Amino acid sequence: MTSQYFERYIGLGHYTIRLQAEAQHDVDLAEQGVVGDSDLDAGIIRVRSDLPRQRQREVVLHELLHHVVHMTHLEARWDDDEQEEVIRALSPWLAQVVTINNYEW
């Protein structure tokens, strides 16, 4: 799979989240052992640019769920491990039926 650079903006309620995929981030993410990550305070999601498009969408949905938890009371109720467990359990199922409509790939 070849790397594909893109930067998009996703509206999530009244928040805007910047989605980035670029080769320069791929090495950082690979060294961390992840395919994507989020900066919740800055409103940024990074996803590996060398992933197949469908896998990128799954990762984006996973990371969007982190942003949703961050914006709700659940962040105070769940520690990091609990958040990750819930998001990992939900995201594959949601990725099968959810379409992110307000941006283009």
PDB file of N, CA and C in Angstrom:
ATOM      1  N   MET A   1       0.856  -1.173   0.000  1.00  0.00           N
ATOM      2  CA  MET A   1       0.000   0.000   0.000  1.00  0.00           C
ATOM      3  C   MET A   1       0.898   1.232   0.000  1.00  0.00           C
ATOM      4  N   THR A   2       0.618   2.162  -0.867  1.00  0.00           N
ATOM      5  CA  THR A   2       1.402   3.383  -0.922  1.00  0.00           C
ATOM      6  C   THR A   2       0.826   4.410   0.034  1.00  0.00           C
ATOM      7  N   SER A   3       1.688   5.285   0.498  1.00  0.00           N
ATOM      8  CA  SER A   3       1.248   6.326   1.415  1.00  0.00           C
ATOM      9  C   SER A   3       0.437   7.364   0.660  1.00  0.00           C
ATOM     10  N   GLN A   4      -0.589   7.847   1.313  1.00  0.00           N
ATOM     11  CA  GLN A   4      -1.443   8.873   0.738  1.00  0.00           C
ATOM     12  C   GLN A   4      -1.599   9.984   1.759  1.00  0.00           C
ATOM     13  N   TYR A   5      -1.170  11.196   1.378  1.00  0.00           N
ATOM     14  CA  TYR A   5      -1.324  12.327   2.281  1.00  0.00           C
ATOM     15  C   TYR A   5      -2.742  12.870   2.158  1.00  0.00           C
ATOM     16  N   PHE A   6      -3.352  13.170   3.280  1.00  0.00           N
ATOM     17  CA  PHE A   6      -4.569  13.960   3.246  1.00  0.00           C
ATOM     18  C   PHE A   6      -4.766  14.640   4.583  1.00  0.00           C
ATOM     19  N   GLU A   7      -5.474  15.729   4.532  1.00  0.00           N
ATOM     20  CA  GLU A   7      -5.907  16.434   5.734  1.00  0.00           C
ATOM     21  C   GLU A   7      -7.359  16.822   5.491  1.00  0.00           C
ATOM     22  N   ARG A   8      -8.197  16.449   6.416  1.00  0.00           N
ATOM     23  CA  ARG A   8      -9.627  16.710   6.315  1.00  0.00           C
ATOM     24  C   ARG A   8     -10.117  17.262   7.650  1.00  0.00           C
ATOM     25  N   TYR A   9     -11.302  17.810   7.622  1.00  0.00           N
ATOM     26  CA  TYR A   9     -11.925  18.326   8.830  1.00  0.00           C
ATOM     27  C   TYR A   9     -13.269  17.633   9.008  1.00  0.00           C
ATOM     28  N   ILE A  10     -13.509  17.179  10.226  1.00  0.00           N
ATOM     29  CA  ILE A  10     -14.737  16.465  10.552  1.00  0.00           C
ATOM     30  C   ILE A  10     -15.504  17.287  11.575  1.00  0.00           C
ATOM     31  N   GLY A  11     -16.763  17.539  11.295  1.00  0.00           N
ATOM     32  CA  GLY A  11     -17.620  18.207  12.271  1.00  0.00           C
ATOM     33  C   GLY A  11     -18.195  17.172  13.227  1.00  0.00           C
ATOM     34  N   LEU A  12     -18.015  17.400  14.497  1.00  0.00           N
ATOM     35  CA  LEU A  12     -18.564  16.525  15.531  1.00  0.00           C
ATOM     36  C   LEU A  12     -19.306  17.426  16.502  1.00  0.00           C
ATOM     37  N   GLY A  13     -20.620  17.509  16.314  1.00  0.00           N
ATOM     38  CA  GLY A  13     -21.378  18.504  17.072  1.00  0.00           C
ATOM     39  C   GLY A  13     -20.883  19.882  16.680  1.00  0.00           C
ATOM     40  N   HIS A  14     -20.590  20.701  17.660  1.00  0.00           N
ATOM     41  CA  HIS A  14     -20.067  22.028  17.348  1.00  0.00           C
ATOM     42  C   HIS A  14     -18.529  22.068  17.387  1.00  0.00           C
ATOM     43  N   TYR A  15     -17.903  20.914  17.442  1.00  0.00           N
ATOM     44  CA  TYR A  15     -16.446  20.808  17.406  1.00  0.00           C
ATOM     45  C   TYR A  15     -15.986  20.459  15.991  1.00  0.00           C
ATOM     46  N   THR A  16     -14.800  20.892  15.659  1.00  0.00           N
ATOM     47  CA  THR A  16     -14.171  20.510  14.407  1.00  0.00           C
ATOM     48  C   THR A  16     -12.902  19.752  14.744  1.00  0.00           C
ATOM     49  N   ILE A  17     -12.773  18.580  14.166  1.00  0.00           N
ATOM     50  CA  ILE A  17     -11.605  17.737  14.413  1.00  0.00           C
ATOM     51  C   ILE A  17     -10.821  17.635  13.115  1.00  0.00           C
ATOM     52  N   ARG A  18      -9.532  17.880  13.201  1.00  0.00           N
ATOM     53  CA  ARG A  18      -8.657  17.803  12.035  1.00  0.00           C
ATOM     54  C   ARG A  18      -8.123  16.379  11.918  1.00  0.00           C
ATOM     55  N   LEU A  19      -8.312  15.796  10.764  1.00  0.00           N
ATOM     56  CA  LEU A  19      -7.864  14.437  10.473  1.00  0.00           C
ATOM     57  C   LEU A  19      -6.659  14.519   9.551  1.00  0.00           C
ATOM     58  N   GLN A  20      -5.561  13.874   9.953  1.00  0.00           N
ATOM     59  CA  GLN A  20      -4.331  13.916   9.172  1.00  0.00           C
ATOM     60  C   GLN A  20      -3.819  12.518   8.892  1.00  0.00           C
ATOM     61  N   ALA A  21      -3.355  12.331   7.672  1.00  0.00           N
ATOM     62  CA  ALA A  21      -2.636  11.109   7.301  1.00  0.00           C
ATOM     63  C   ALA A  21      -1.480  11.551   6.422  1.00  0.00           C
ATOM     64  N   GLU A  22      -0.277  11.302   6.874  1.00  0.00           N
ATOM     65  CA  GLU A  22       0.891  11.660   6.086  1.00  0.00           C
ATOM     66  C   GLU A  22       2.059  10.772   6.477  1.00  0.00           C
ATOM     67  N   ALA A  23       2.919  10.542   5.512  1.00  0.00           N
ATOM     68  CA  ALA A  23       4.029   9.612   5.694  1.00  0.00           C
ATOM     69  C   ALA A  23       4.912   9.981   6.884  1.00  0.00           C
ATOM     70  N   GLN A  24       5.107  11.250   7.149  1.00  0.00           N
ATOM     71  CA  GLN A  24       5.986  11.643   8.253  1.00  0.00           C
ATOM     72  C   GLN A  24       5.445  11.183   9.603  1.00  0.00           C
ATOM     73  N   HIS A  25       4.120  11.023   9.719  1.00  0.00           N
ATOM     74  CA  HIS A  25       3.544  10.523  10.965  1.00  0.00           C
ATOM     75  C   HIS A  25       3.588   9.003  11.054  1.00  0.00           C
ATOM     76  N   ASP A  26       3.688   8.335   9.916  1.00  0.00           N
ATOM     77  CA  ASP A  26       3.636   6.868   9.900  1.00  0.00           C
ATOM     78  C   ASP A  26       4.717   6.247  10.770  1.00  0.00           C
ATOM     79  N   VAL A  27       5.915   6.789  10.700  1.00  0.00           N
ATOM     80  CA  VAL A  27       7.027   6.245  11.489  1.00  0.00           C
ATOM     81  C   VAL A  27       6.762   6.435  12.977  1.00  0.00           C
ATOM     82  N   ASP A  28       6.301   7.632  13.361  1.00  0.00           N
ATOM     83  CA  ASP A  28       6.001   7.897  14.773  1.00  0.00           C
ATOM     84  C   ASP A  28       4.930   6.936  15.295  1.00  0.00           C
ATOM     85  N   LEU A  29       3.872   6.779  14.518  1.00  0.00           N
ATOM     86  CA  LEU A  29       2.786   5.892  14.932  1.00  0.00           C
ATOM     87  C   LEU A  29       3.261   4.442  15.005  1.00  0.00           C
ATOM     88  N   ALA A  30       4.051   4.017  14.017  1.00  0.00           N
ATOM     89  CA  ALA A  30       4.564   2.643  14.018  1.00  0.00           C
ATOM     90  C   ALA A  30       5.465   2.400  15.225  1.00  0.00           C
ATOM     91  N   GLU A  31       6.297   3.375  15.564  1.00  0.00           N
ATOM     92  CA  GLU A  31       7.172   3.227  16.733  1.00  0.00           C
ATOM     93  C   GLU A  31       6.376   3.124  18.026  1.00  0.00           C
ATOM     94  N   GLN A  32       5.201   3.756  18.064  1.00  0.00           N
ATOM     95  CA  GLN A  32       4.323   3.670  19.234  1.00  0.00           C
ATOM     96  C   GLN A  32       3.514   2.374  19.229  1.00  0.00           C
ATOM     97  N   GLY A  33       3.554   1.652  18.100  1.00  0.00           N
ATOM     98  CA  GLY A  33       2.801   0.408  17.995  1.00  0.00           C
ATOM     99  C   GLY A  33       1.320   0.621  17.759  1.00  0.00           C
ATOM    100  N   VAL A  34       0.960   1.754  17.146  1.00  0.00           N
ATOM    101  CA  VAL A  34      -0.444   2.071  16.888  1.00  0.00           C
ATOM    102  C   VAL A  34      -0.622   2.445  15.413  1.00  0.00           C
ATOM    103  N   VAL A  35      -1.864   2.417  14.971  1.00  0.00           N
ATOM    104  CA  VAL A  35      -2.169   2.812  13.594  1.00  0.00           C
ATOM    105  C   VAL A  35      -2.817   4.192  13.540  1.00  0.00           C
ATOM    106  N   GLY A  36      -3.136   4.739  14.701  1.00  0.00           N
ATOM    107  CA  GLY A  36      -3.698   6.077  14.784  1.00  0.00           C
ATOM    108  C   GLY A  36      -3.640   6.576  16.210  1.00  0.00           C
ATOM    109  N   ASP A  37      -3.778   7.890  16.356  1.00  0.00           N
ATOM    110  CA  ASP A  37      -3.835   8.461  17.697  1.00  0.00           C
ATOM    111  C   ASP A  37      -4.608   9.767  17.656  1.00  0.00           C
ATOM    112  N   SER A  38      -4.869  10.300  18.831  1.00  0.00           N
ATOM    113  CA  SER A  38      -5.642  11.531  18.961  1.00  0.00           C
ATOM    114  C   SER A  38      -4.965  12.478  19.922  1.00  0.00           C
ATOM    115  N   ASP A  39      -5.033  13.749  19.589  1.00  0.00           N
ATOM    116  CA  ASP A  39      -4.715  14.811  20.532  1.00  0.00           C
ATOM    117  C   ASP A  39      -6.067  15.429  20.873  1.00  0.00           C
ATOM    118  N   LEU A  40      -6.611  15.039  22.012  1.00  0.00           N
ATOM    119  CA  LEU A  40      -7.968  15.425  22.374  1.00  0.00           C
ATOM    120  C   LEU A  40      -8.100  16.924  22.594  1.00  0.00           C
ATOM    121  N   ASP A  41      -7.099  17.534  23.193  1.00  0.00           N
ATOM    122  CA  ASP A  41      -7.179  18.970  23.476  1.00  0.00           C
ATOM    123  C   ASP A  41      -7.035  19.805  22.214  1.00  0.00           C
ATOM    124  N   ALA A  42      -6.189  19.370  21.287  1.00  0.00           N
ATOM    125  CA  ALA A  42      -5.982  20.112  20.041  1.00  0.00           C
ATOM    126  C   ALA A  42      -7.012  19.753  18.974  1.00  0.00           C
ATOM    127  N   GLY A  43      -7.761  18.675  19.184  1.00  0.00           N
ATOM    128  CA  GLY A  43      -8.769  18.262  18.213  1.00  0.00           C
ATOM    129  C   GLY A  43      -8.165  17.701  16.938  1.00  0.00           C
ATOM    130  N   ILE A  44      -7.170  16.825  17.097  1.00  0.00           N
ATOM    131  CA  ILE A  44      -6.476  16.248  15.940  1.00  0.00           C
ATOM    132  C   ILE A  44      -6.507  14.729  16.025  1.00  0.00           C
ATOM    133  N   ILE A  45      -6.763  14.093  14.904  1.00  0.00           N
ATOM    134  CA  ILE A  45      -6.633  12.646  14.759  1.00  0.00           C
ATOM    135  C   ILE A  45      -5.587  12.396  13.688  1.00  0.00           C
ATOM    136  N   ARG A  46      -4.615  11.531  14.010  1.00  0.00           N
ATOM    137  CA  ARG A  46      -3.632  11.097  13.012  1.00  0.00           C
ATOM    138  C   ARG A  46      -3.870   9.627  12.726  1.00  0.00           C
ATOM    139  N   VAL A  47      -3.817   9.284  11.455  1.00  0.00           N
ATOM    140  CA  VAL A  47      -3.995   7.896  11.042  1.00  0.00           C
ATOM    141  C   VAL A  47      -2.890   7.568  10.043  1.00  0.00           C
ATOM    142  N   ARG A  48      -2.408   6.332  10.095  1.00  0.00           N
ATOM    143  CA  ARG A  48      -1.336   5.929   9.175  1.00  0.00           C
ATOM    144  C   ARG A  48      -1.791   6.082   7.734  1.00  0.00           C
ATOM    145  N   SER A  49      -0.960   6.698   6.922  1.00  0.00           N
ATOM    146  CA  SER A  49      -1.305   6.959   5.524  1.00  0.00           C
ATOM    147  C   SER A  49      -1.134   5.736   4.636  1.00  0.00           C
ATOM    148  N   ASP A  50      -0.440   4.717   5.139  1.00  0.00           N
ATOM    149  CA  ASP A  50      -0.162   3.539   4.311  1.00  0.00           C
ATOM    150  C   ASP A  50      -1.165   2.402   4.553  1.00  0.00           C
ATOM    151  N   LEU A  51      -2.230   2.677   5.277  1.00  0.00           N
ATOM    152  CA  LEU A  51      -3.258   1.666   5.522  1.00  0.00           C
ATOM    153  C   LEU A  51      -4.264   1.661   4.372  1.00  0.00           C
ATOM    154  N   PRO A  52      -4.887   0.517   4.125  1.00  0.00           N
ATOM    155  CA  PRO A  52      -5.994   0.504   3.165  1.00  0.00           C
ATOM    156  C   PRO A  52      -7.095   1.456   3.643  1.00  0.00           C
ATOM    157  N   ARG A  53      -7.806   2.026   2.707  1.00  0.00           N
ATOM    158  CA  ARG A  53      -8.827   3.038   3.015  1.00  0.00           C
ATOM    159  C   ARG A  53      -9.847   2.541   4.047  1.00  0.00           C
ATOM    160  N   GLN A  54     -10.319   1.306   3.925  1.00  0.00           N
ATOM    161  CA  GLN A  54     -11.309   0.789   4.877  1.00  0.00           C
ATOM    162  C   GLN A  54     -10.720   0.725   6.291  1.00  0.00           C
ATOM    163  N   ARG A  55      -9.482   0.315   6.412  1.00  0.00           N
ATOM    164  CA  ARG A  55      -8.836   0.259   7.736  1.00  0.00           C
ATOM    165  C   ARG A  55      -8.672   1.666   8.292  1.00  0.00           C
ATOM    166  N   GLN A  56      -8.334   2.638   7.437  1.00  0.00           N
ATOM    167  CA  GLN A  56      -8.243   4.024   7.897  1.00  0.00           C
ATOM    168  C   GLN A  56      -9.579   4.485   8.468  1.00  0.00           C
ATOM    169  N   ARG A  57     -10.671   4.148   7.794  1.00  0.00           N
ATOM    170  CA  ARG A  57     -11.994   4.544   8.288  1.00  0.00           C
ATOM    171  C   ARG A  57     -12.281   3.939   9.657  1.00  0.00           C
ATOM    172  N   GLU A  58     -11.905   2.684   9.846  1.00  0.00           N
ATOM    173  CA  GLU A  58     -12.101   2.041  11.145  1.00  0.00           C
ATOM    174  C   GLU A  58     -11.297   2.743  12.228  1.00  0.00           C
ATOM    175  N   VAL A  59     -10.065   3.096  11.909  1.00  0.00           N
ATOM    176  CA  VAL A  59      -9.203   3.786  12.876  1.00  0.00           C
ATOM    177  C   VAL A  59      -9.767   5.163  13.195  1.00  0.00           C
ATOM    178  N   VAL A  60     -10.246   5.869  12.181  1.00  0.00           N
ATOM    179  CA  VAL A  60     -10.829   7.193  12.404  1.00  0.00           C
ATOM    180  C   VAL A  60     -12.042   7.084  13.318  1.00  0.00           C
ATOM    181  N   LEU A  61     -12.894   6.124  13.097  1.00  0.00           N
ATOM    182  CA  LEU A  61     -14.058   5.941  13.965  1.00  0.00           C
ATOM    183  C   LEU A  61     -13.621   5.652  15.397  1.00  0.00           C
ATOM    184  N   HIS A  62     -12.636   4.788  15.564  1.00  0.00           N
ATOM    185  CA  HIS A  62     -12.102   4.487  16.891  1.00  0.00           C
ATOM    186  C   HIS A  62     -11.632   5.768  17.578  1.00  0.00           C
ATOM    187  N   GLU A  63     -10.858   6.560  16.846  1.00  0.00           N
ATOM    188  CA  GLU A  63     -10.326   7.796  17.432  1.00  0.00           C
ATOM    189  C   GLU A  63     -11.434   8.821  17.682  1.00  0.00           C
ATOM    190  N   LEU A  64     -12.439   8.876  16.813  1.00  0.00           N
ATOM    191  CA  LEU A  64     -13.574   9.768  17.060  1.00  0.00           C
ATOM    192  C   LEU A  64     -14.282   9.413  18.357  1.00  0.00           C
ATOM    193  N   LEU A  65     -14.377   8.119  18.652  1.00  0.00           N
ATOM    194  CA  LEU A  65     -14.992   7.709  19.914  1.00  0.00           C
ATOM    195  C   LEU A  65     -14.201   8.227  21.113  1.00  0.00           C
ATOM    196  N   HIS A  66     -12.872   8.287  20.991  1.00  0.00           N
ATOM    197  CA  HIS A  66     -12.080   8.895  22.075  1.00  0.00           C
ATOM    198  C   HIS A  66     -12.482  10.357  22.261  1.00  0.00           C
ATOM    199  N   HIS A  67     -12.700  11.066  21.164  1.00  0.00           N
ATOM    200  CA  HIS A  67     -13.116  12.470  21.263  1.00  0.00           C
ATOM    201  C   HIS A  67     -14.502  12.588  21.894  1.00  0.00           C
ATOM    202  N   VAL A  68     -15.414  11.696  21.539  1.00  0.00           N
ATOM    203  CA  VAL A  68     -16.750  11.709  22.125  1.00  0.00           C
ATOM    204  C   VAL A  68     -16.664  11.487  23.636  1.00  0.00           C
ATOM    205  N   VAL A  69     -15.904  10.492  24.051  1.00  0.00           N
ATOM    206  CA  VAL A  69     -15.746  10.234  25.489  1.00  0.00           C
ATOM    207  C   VAL A  69     -15.158  11.457  26.174  1.00  0.00           C
ATOM    208  N   HIS A  70     -14.186  12.097  25.536  1.00  0.00           N
ATOM    209  CA  HIS A  70     -13.535  13.288  26.093  1.00  0.00           C
ATOM    210  C   HIS A  70     -14.541  14.431  26.301  1.00  0.00           C
ATOM    211  N   MET A  71     -15.545  14.504  25.431  1.00  0.00           N
ATOM    212  CA  MET A  71     -16.518  15.596  25.496  1.00  0.00           C
ATOM    213  C   MET A  71     -17.692  15.291  26.421  1.00  0.00           C
ATOM    214  N   THR A  72     -17.703  14.128  27.032  1.00  0.00           N
ATOM    215  CA  THR A  72     -18.832  13.737  27.867  1.00  0.00           C
ATOM    216  C   THR A  72     -18.382  13.502  29.304  1.00  0.00           C
ATOM    217  N   HIS A  73     -19.357  13.220  30.152  1.00  0.00           N
ATOM    218  CA  HIS A  73     -19.076  12.914  31.555  1.00  0.00           C
ATOM    219  C   HIS A  73     -18.342  11.579  31.712  1.00  0.00           C
ATOM    220  N   LEU A  74     -18.334  10.768  30.663  1.00  0.00           N
ATOM    221  CA  LEU A  74     -17.711   9.450  30.767  1.00  0.00           C
ATOM    222  C   LEU A  74     -16.208   9.521  30.998  1.00  0.00           C
ATOM    223  N   GLU A  75     -15.591  10.592  30.521  1.00  0.00           N
ATOM    224  CA  GLU A  75     -14.141  10.725  30.724  1.00  0.00           C
ATOM    225  C   GLU A  75     -13.791  10.704  32.211  1.00  0.00           C
ATOM    226  N   ALA A  76     -14.610  11.313  33.036  1.00  0.00           N
ATOM    227  CA  ALA A  76     -14.347  11.343  34.476  1.00  0.00           C
ATOM    228  C   ALA A  76     -14.692  10.016  35.149  1.00  0.00           C
ATOM    229  N   ARG A  77     -15.527   9.224  34.515  1.00  0.00           N
ATOM    230  CA  ARG A  77     -15.977   7.962  35.120  1.00  0.00           C
ATOM    231  C   ARG A  77     -15.082   6.782  34.771  1.00  0.00           C
ATOM    232  N   TRP A  78     -14.423   6.840  33.601  1.00  0.00           N
ATOM    233  CA  TRP A  78     -13.600   5.726  33.140  1.00  0.00           C
ATOM    234  C   TRP A  78     -12.137   6.122  33.136  1.00  0.00           C
ATOM    235  N   ASP A  79     -11.280   5.239  33.648  1.00  0.00           N
ATOM    236  CA  ASP A  79      -9.852   5.510  33.507  1.00  0.00           C
ATOM    237  C   ASP A  79      -9.434   5.168  32.072  1.00  0.00           C
ATOM    238  N   ASP A  80      -8.186   5.428  31.726  1.00  0.00           N
ATOM    239  CA  ASP A  80      -7.720   5.235  30.343  1.00  0.00           C
ATOM    240  C   ASP A  80      -7.909   3.804  29.854  1.00  0.00           C
ATOM    241  N   ASP A  81      -7.624   2.839  30.710  1.00  0.00           N
ATOM    242  CA  ASP A  81      -7.778   1.433  30.306  1.00  0.00           C
ATOM    243  C   ASP A  81      -9.237   1.077  30.056  1.00  0.00           C
ATOM    244  N   GLU A  82     -10.123   1.580  30.913  1.00  0.00           N
ATOM    245  CA  GLU A  82     -11.546   1.309  30.725  1.00  0.00           C
ATOM    246  C   GLU A  82     -12.069   1.960  29.448  1.00  0.00           C
ATOM    247  N   GLN A  83     -11.637   3.194  29.187  1.00  0.00           N
ATOM    248  CA  GLN A  83     -12.036   3.868  27.953  1.00  0.00           C
ATOM    249  C   GLN A  83     -11.609   3.068  26.739  1.00  0.00           C
ATOM    250  N   GLU A  84     -10.370   2.637  26.744  1.00  0.00           N
ATOM    251  CA  GLU A  84      -9.853   1.888  25.605  1.00  0.00           C
ATOM    252  C   GLU A  84     -10.603   0.570  25.423  1.00  0.00           C
ATOM    253  N   GLU A  85     -10.911  -0.093  26.515  1.00  0.00           N
ATOM    254  CA  GLU A  85     -11.649  -1.357  26.433  1.00  0.00           C
ATOM    255  C   GLU A  85     -13.026  -1.149  25.806  1.00  0.00           C
ATOM    256  N   VAL A  86     -13.739  -0.124  26.240  1.00  0.00           N
ATOM    257  CA  VAL A  86     -15.072   0.149  25.700  1.00  0.00           C
ATOM    258  C   VAL A  86     -14.975   0.535  24.224  1.00  0.00           C
ATOM    259  N   ILE A  87     -14.052   1.402  23.884  1.00  0.00           N
ATOM    260  CA  ILE A  87     -13.913   1.861  22.499  1.00  0.00           C
ATOM    261  C   ILE A  87     -13.492   0.723  21.590  1.00  0.00           C
ATOM    262  N   ARG A  88     -12.585  -0.111  22.045  1.00  0.00           N
ATOM    263  CA  ARG A  88     -12.184  -1.268  21.223  1.00  0.00           C
ATOM    264  C   ARG A  88     -13.336  -2.247  21.027  1.00  0.00           C
ATOM    265  N   ALA A  89     -14.205  -2.362  22.022  1.00  0.00           N
ATOM    266  CA  ALA A  89     -15.347  -3.259  21.895  1.00  0.00           C
ATOM    267  C   ALA A  89     -16.396  -2.692  20.942  1.00  0.00           C
ATOM    268  N   LEU A  90     -16.606  -1.387  20.967  1.00  0.00           N
ATOM    269  CA  LEU A  90     -17.659  -0.768  20.163  1.00  0.00           C
ATOM    270  C   LEU A  90     -17.241  -0.443  18.732  1.00  0.00           C
ATOM    271  N   SER A  91     -16.020   0.013  18.542  1.00  0.00           N
ATOM    272  CA  SER A  91     -15.646   0.572  17.241  1.00  0.00           C
ATOM    273  C   SER A  91     -15.739  -0.401  16.068  1.00  0.00           C
ATOM    274  N   PRO A  92     -15.357  -1.679  16.181  1.00  0.00           N
ATOM    275  CA  PRO A  92     -15.500  -2.562  15.012  1.00  0.00           C
ATOM    276  C   PRO A  92     -16.954  -2.752  14.596  1.00  0.00           C
ATOM    277  N   TRP A  93     -17.841  -2.812  15.576  1.00  0.00           N
ATOM    278  CA  TRP A  93     -19.266  -2.983  15.270  1.00  0.00           C
ATOM    279  C   TRP A  93     -19.826  -1.730  14.633  1.00  0.00           C
ATOM    280  N   LEU A  94     -19.498  -0.583  15.194  1.00  0.00           N
ATOM    281  CA  LEU A  94     -19.989   0.670  14.636  1.00  0.00           C
ATOM    282  C   LEU A  94     -19.423   0.932  13.246  1.00  0.00           C
ATOM    283  N   ALA A  95     -18.187   0.533  13.016  1.00  0.00           N
ATOM    284  CA  ALA A  95     -17.563   0.752  11.704  1.00  0.00           C
ATOM    285  C   ALA A  95     -18.308   0.018  10.594  1.00  0.00           C
ATOM    286  N   GLN A  96     -19.044  -1.009  10.942  1.00  0.00           N
ATOM    287  CA  GLN A  96     -19.800  -1.758   9.942  1.00  0.00           C
ATOM    288  C   GLN A  96     -21.046  -1.013   9.473  1.00  0.00           C
ATOM    289  N   VAL A  97     -21.542  -0.092  10.276  1.00  0.00           N
ATOM    290  CA  VAL A  97     -22.802   0.562   9.924  1.00  0.00           C
ATOM    291  C   VAL A  97     -22.732   2.086   9.884  1.00  0.00           C
ATOM    292  N   VAL A  98     -21.704   2.677  10.444  1.00  0.00           N
ATOM    293  CA  VAL A  98     -21.622   4.132  10.529  1.00  0.00           C
ATOM    294  C   VAL A  98     -20.862   4.682   9.331  1.00  0.00           C
ATOM    295  N   THR A  99     -21.412   5.737   8.766  1.00  0.00           N
ATOM    296  CA  THR A  99     -20.738   6.483   7.704  1.00  0.00           C
ATOM    297  C   THR A  99     -20.497   7.886   8.234  1.00  0.00           C
ATOM    298  N   ILE A 100     -19.303   8.392   8.032  1.00  0.00           N
ATOM    299  CA  ILE A 100     -18.982   9.743   8.434  1.00  0.00           C
ATOM    300  C   ILE A 100     -19.309  10.619   7.232  1.00  0.00           C
ATOM    301  N   ASN A 101     -20.392  11.357   7.310  1.00  0.00           N
ATOM    302  CA  ASN A 101     -20.944  12.044   6.145  1.00  0.00           C
ATOM    303  C   ASN A 101     -20.394  13.426   5.872  1.00  0.00           C
ATOM    304  N   ASN A 102     -19.802  14.068   6.841  1.00  0.00           N
ATOM    305  CA  ASN A 102     -19.495  15.478   6.629  1.00  0.00           C
ATOM    306  C   ASN A 102     -18.047  15.762   6.243  1.00  0.00           C
ATOM    307  N   TYR A 103     -17.430  14.825   5.539  1.00  0.00           N
ATOM    308  CA  TYR A 103     -16.131  15.087   4.928  1.00  0.00           C
ATOM    309  C   TYR A 103     -15.902  14.069   3.823  1.00  0.00           C
ATOM    310  N   GLU A 104     -14.985  14.390   2.956  1.00  0.00           N
ATOM    311  CA  GLU A 104     -14.665  13.527   1.831  1.00  0.00           C
ATOM    312  C   GLU A 104     -13.315  12.863   2.052  1.00  0.00           C
ATOM    313  N   TRP A 105     -13.206  11.611   1.651  1.00  0.00           N
ATOM    314  CA  TRP A 105     -11.915  10.906   1.700  1.00  0.00           C
ATOM    315  C   TRP A 105     -11.100  11.301   0.515  1.00  0.00           C
TER     316      TRP A 105
END
